[in-house]
Amino acid sequence: AALEMLAALETLNRTMPEQDGQVWPRDVQIGIGMNAGLCCVGNMGSQQRLSYSLIGDTVNIASRFEGLTKQYGVGIVIGSALAEKLAKEVDDFAVLELDRVRVVGREAPDTIYALLGDSSMAVNDEFAALKLAHTEFLMQYRAQDWQKAREHLSMYEQTYDSAGLAALCATYHAHMDQLESANLSPEWDGVFQATSK
């Protein structure tokens, strides 16, 4: 459903500005954060005010993931709990590891992933090449080998760009600038601290 929402928005961005009498800001973007786990869903409140809602830690974290879509330049960010469920139960989505982050308001870090496409993309050779290149980059990044990581990212910039992930490259260049100047300890856990929701 999330992938179809992004596809529908792409169609709207292309067709709505051409329609007479329609006011449509060009290039509307949305971010979707998804998570898996326990939460409370249903009608909540009192007789005076009743609202259908959902609450819980799982929901709060999904909200933080939605905020990270802008930072990483992807439409859908999912957490490790959902990524694991997809790998075990479905295994036909194109999922790319983005980063290990500590979101605002939580001490425990989580690995976040981009949900990029369905089964047709998951078996695509270009996606396989991107996934391999990004995995190699993350190894260099987490080892604090900033020079190799930058060179690797630059070498595969066209691969990222073709997948619509140019903003991801820019984000990682900014992260590396920030982390390199921070003089991290050799025991750094590879977790990036998100500073905004």
Protein backbone atom coordinates (compact mmCIF):
# COMPACT_ATOMS: atom_id res chain seq x y z
CA ALA A 1 0.00 0.00 0.00
CA ALA A 2 2.84 2.41 0.86
CA LEU A 3 4.55 1.74 -2.47
CA GLU A 4 1.25 2.29 -4.29
CA MET A 5 0.79 5.58 -2.42
CA LEU A 6 4.16 6.81 -3.73
CA ALA A 7 3.32 5.65 -7.26
CA ALA A 8 -0.06 7.41 -7.11
CA LEU A 9 1.59 10.62 -5.90
CA GLU A 10 4.08 10.46 -8.76
CA THR A 11 1.15 10.24 -11.20
CA LEU A 12 -0.62 13.15 -9.50
CA ASN A 13 2.54 15.29 -9.63
CA ARG A 14 2.76 14.61 -13.35
CA THR A 15 -0.90 15.03 -14.34
CA MET A 16 -2.52 17.52 -11.95
CA PRO A 17 -0.61 20.67 -13.00
CA GLU A 18 -1.79 20.09 -16.59
CA GLN A 19 -5.49 20.10 -15.66
CA ASP A 20 -7.38 23.36 -16.13
CA GLY A 21 -8.84 24.85 -12.99
CA GLN A 22 -6.71 22.70 -10.67
CA VAL A 23 -4.30 24.22 -8.20
CA TRP A 24 -1.49 21.77 -7.54
CA PRO A 25 1.93 22.64 -6.14
CA ARG A 26 4.55 20.95 -8.24
CA ASP A 27 6.48 17.98 -6.92
CA VAL A 28 4.54 17.18 -3.74
CA GLN A 29 6.53 14.74 -1.60
CA ILE A 30 5.47 12.49 1.29
CA GLY A 31 7.41 10.42 3.77
CA ILE A 32 6.16 7.15 5.24
CA GLY A 33 7.54 5.58 8.41
CA MET A 34 6.66 1.95 9.10
CA ASN A 35 7.30 -0.31 12.04
CA ALA A 36 6.12 -3.66 13.42
CA GLY A 37 5.20 -4.47 16.99
CA LEU A 38 2.54 -4.16 19.65
CA CYS A 39 0.35 -1.08 19.85
CA CYS A 40 -3.12 -0.09 21.02
CA VAL A 41 -5.56 0.58 18.16
CA GLY A 42 -9.22 1.55 18.35
CA ASN A 43 -11.75 4.06 19.60
CA MET A 44 -10.24 5.94 22.53
CA GLY A 45 -11.39 8.75 24.75
CA SER A 46 -14.67 9.30 26.56
CA GLN A 47 -18.38 9.74 25.79
CA GLN A 48 -17.77 13.46 25.25
CA ARG A 49 -14.90 12.98 22.84
CA LEU A 50 -14.14 9.72 21.07
CA SER A 51 -11.43 9.25 18.47
CA TYR A 52 -10.15 6.27 16.50
CA SER A 53 -6.42 6.27 17.08
CA LEU A 54 -3.35 4.20 17.76
CA ILE A 55 -0.79 4.65 20.51
CA GLY A 56 2.30 2.93 21.83
CA ASP A 57 6.06 2.77 21.49
CA THR A 58 5.81 1.04 18.10
CA VAL A 59 3.75 3.95 16.75
CA ASN A 60 6.06 6.58 18.23
CA ILE A 61 9.09 4.98 16.61
CA ALA A 62 7.30 4.74 13.24
CA SER A 63 6.65 8.47 13.55
CA ARG A 64 10.38 9.08 14.07
CA PHE A 65 11.14 6.93 11.02
CA GLU A 66 8.77 9.10 8.97
CA GLY A 67 10.84 12.14 10.00
CA LEU A 68 14.00 10.40 8.79
CA THR A 69 12.64 10.03 5.23
CA LYS A 70 13.59 13.66 4.54
CA GLN A 71 17.07 13.29 5.98
CA TYR A 72 17.88 10.15 3.99
CA GLY A 73 16.01 11.21 0.85
CA VAL A 74 13.75 8.14 0.59
CA GLY A 75 9.98 7.79 0.49
CA ILE A 76 9.62 4.92 2.97
CA VAL A 77 11.73 4.13 6.04
CA ILE A 78 11.10 0.92 7.93
CA GLY A 79 12.63 -0.40 11.15
CA SER A 80 14.46 -3.63 11.78
CA ALA A 81 11.40 -5.37 13.27
CA LEU A 82 9.44 -4.90 10.05
CA ALA A 83 12.46 -5.66 7.84
CA GLU A 84 12.91 -8.98 9.67
CA LYS A 85 9.23 -9.85 9.27
CA LEU A 86 9.38 -9.08 5.54
CA ALA A 87 12.51 -11.21 5.11
CA LYS A 88 10.98 -14.18 6.96
CA GLU A 89 7.41 -14.07 5.75
CA VAL A 90 7.34 -12.33 2.38
CA ASP A 91 10.84 -11.95 0.91
CA ASP A 92 9.69 -10.13 -2.22
CA PHE A 93 10.39 -6.50 -1.44
CA ALA A 94 13.45 -4.44 -2.40
CA VAL A 95 14.80 -3.38 1.00
CA LEU A 96 18.10 -1.50 1.43
CA GLU A 97 19.79 -0.93 4.79
CA LEU A 98 20.13 2.81 5.36
CA ASP A 99 21.85 3.29 8.70
CA ARG A 100 21.91 2.54 12.40
CA VAL A 101 20.25 5.42 14.21
CA ARG A 102 19.26 6.50 17.67
CA VAL A 103 16.02 8.44 17.24
CA VAL A 104 14.99 11.37 19.41
CA GLY A 105 13.55 10.19 22.71
CA ARG A 106 15.08 6.69 22.67
CA GLU A 107 18.31 5.29 24.03
CA ALA A 108 18.28 2.01 22.10
CA PRO A 109 19.45 2.30 18.48
CA ASP A 110 17.69 0.65 15.56
CA THR A 111 18.75 -0.27 12.06
CA ILE A 112 16.62 1.49 9.48
CA TYR A 113 15.93 0.40 5.92
CA ALA A 114 14.51 1.97 2.78
CA LEU A 115 11.61 0.14 1.19
CA LEU A 116 12.33 0.87 -2.47
CA GLY A 117 10.14 -1.48 -4.44
CA ASP A 118 8.26 -4.73 -4.87
CA SER A 119 9.32 -8.18 -6.08
CA SER A 120 10.16 -6.99 -9.60
CA MET A 121 12.75 -4.59 -8.19
CA ALA A 122 13.99 -7.10 -5.61
CA VAL A 123 15.20 -9.46 -8.38
CA ASN A 124 16.50 -6.66 -10.61
CA ASP A 125 20.26 -6.75 -11.41
CA GLU A 126 20.61 -2.99 -10.88
CA PHE A 127 19.13 -3.28 -7.38
CA ALA A 128 21.45 -6.20 -6.58
CA ALA A 129 24.44 -4.08 -7.65
CA LEU A 130 23.23 -1.16 -5.55
CA LYS A 131 22.71 -3.37 -2.49
CA LEU A 132 26.21 -4.86 -2.81
CA ALA A 133 27.84 -1.44 -3.29
CA HIS A 134 25.95 0.04 -0.35
CA THR A 135 26.82 -2.89 1.93
CA GLU A 136 30.52 -2.40 1.11
CA PHE A 137 30.20 1.33 1.76
CA LEU A 138 28.55 0.75 5.17
CA MET A 139 31.42 -1.57 6.18
CA GLN A 140 33.98 1.15 5.39
CA TYR A 141 31.83 3.84 7.04
CA ARG A 142 31.42 1.86 10.27
CA ALA A 143 35.14 1.08 10.31
CA GLN A 144 35.73 4.87 10.22
CA ASP A 145 37.74 4.54 7.01
CA TRP A 146 36.42 7.90 5.84
CA GLN A 147 38.66 8.23 2.78
CA LYS A 148 37.75 4.80 1.36
CA ALA A 149 34.09 5.33 2.22
CA ARG A 150 34.04 8.69 0.39
CA GLU A 151 35.82 7.22 -2.64
CA HIS A 152 33.43 4.26 -2.71
CA LEU A 153 30.38 6.50 -2.45
CA SER A 154 31.67 8.72 -5.26
CA MET A 155 32.52 5.72 -7.44
CA TYR A 156 28.93 4.41 -7.21
CA GLU A 157 27.21 7.79 -7.30
CA GLN A 158 25.59 7.02 -10.66
CA THR A 159 24.21 3.73 -9.28
CA TYR A 160 22.63 5.58 -6.35
CA ASP A 161 21.35 8.33 -8.63
CA SER A 162 19.72 5.82 -11.00
CA ALA A 163 17.81 4.38 -8.02
CA GLY A 164 16.65 7.86 -6.97
CA LEU A 165 19.03 7.91 -4.00
CA ALA A 166 21.18 10.96 -4.77
CA ALA A 167 20.04 12.54 -1.48
CA LEU A 168 21.28 9.46 0.40
CA CYS A 169 24.80 10.07 -0.93
CA ALA A 170 24.63 13.73 0.11
CA THR A 171 23.43 12.71 3.58
CA TYR A 172 26.31 10.31 4.04
CA HIS A 173 28.87 12.86 2.88
CA ALA A 174 27.46 15.26 5.49
CA HIS A 175 27.50 12.52 8.17
CA MET A 176 31.14 11.71 7.40
CA ASP A 177 32.15 15.38 7.59
CA GLN A 178 30.46 15.65 10.98
CA LEU A 179 31.76 12.34 12.36
CA GLU A 180 35.33 12.76 11.14
CA SER A 181 35.64 16.11 12.90
CA ALA A 182 34.15 14.59 16.09
CA ASN A 183 37.24 12.39 16.68
CA LEU A 184 35.26 9.26 17.44
CA SER A 185 36.69 6.53 19.62
CA PRO A 186 37.82 3.31 17.91
CA GLU A 187 34.92 1.55 19.69
CA TRP A 188 32.29 3.70 17.93
CA ASP A 189 29.19 1.56 17.40
CA GLY A 190 28.29 3.00 13.99
CA VAL A 191 25.10 4.58 15.33
CA PHE A 192 24.14 8.03 14.07
CA GLN A 193 22.29 10.21 16.59
CA ALA A 194 19.23 11.83 15.02
CA THR A 195 18.80 15.34 16.41
CA SER A 196 15.29 16.13 15.21
CA LYS A 197 11.94 14.41 14.88
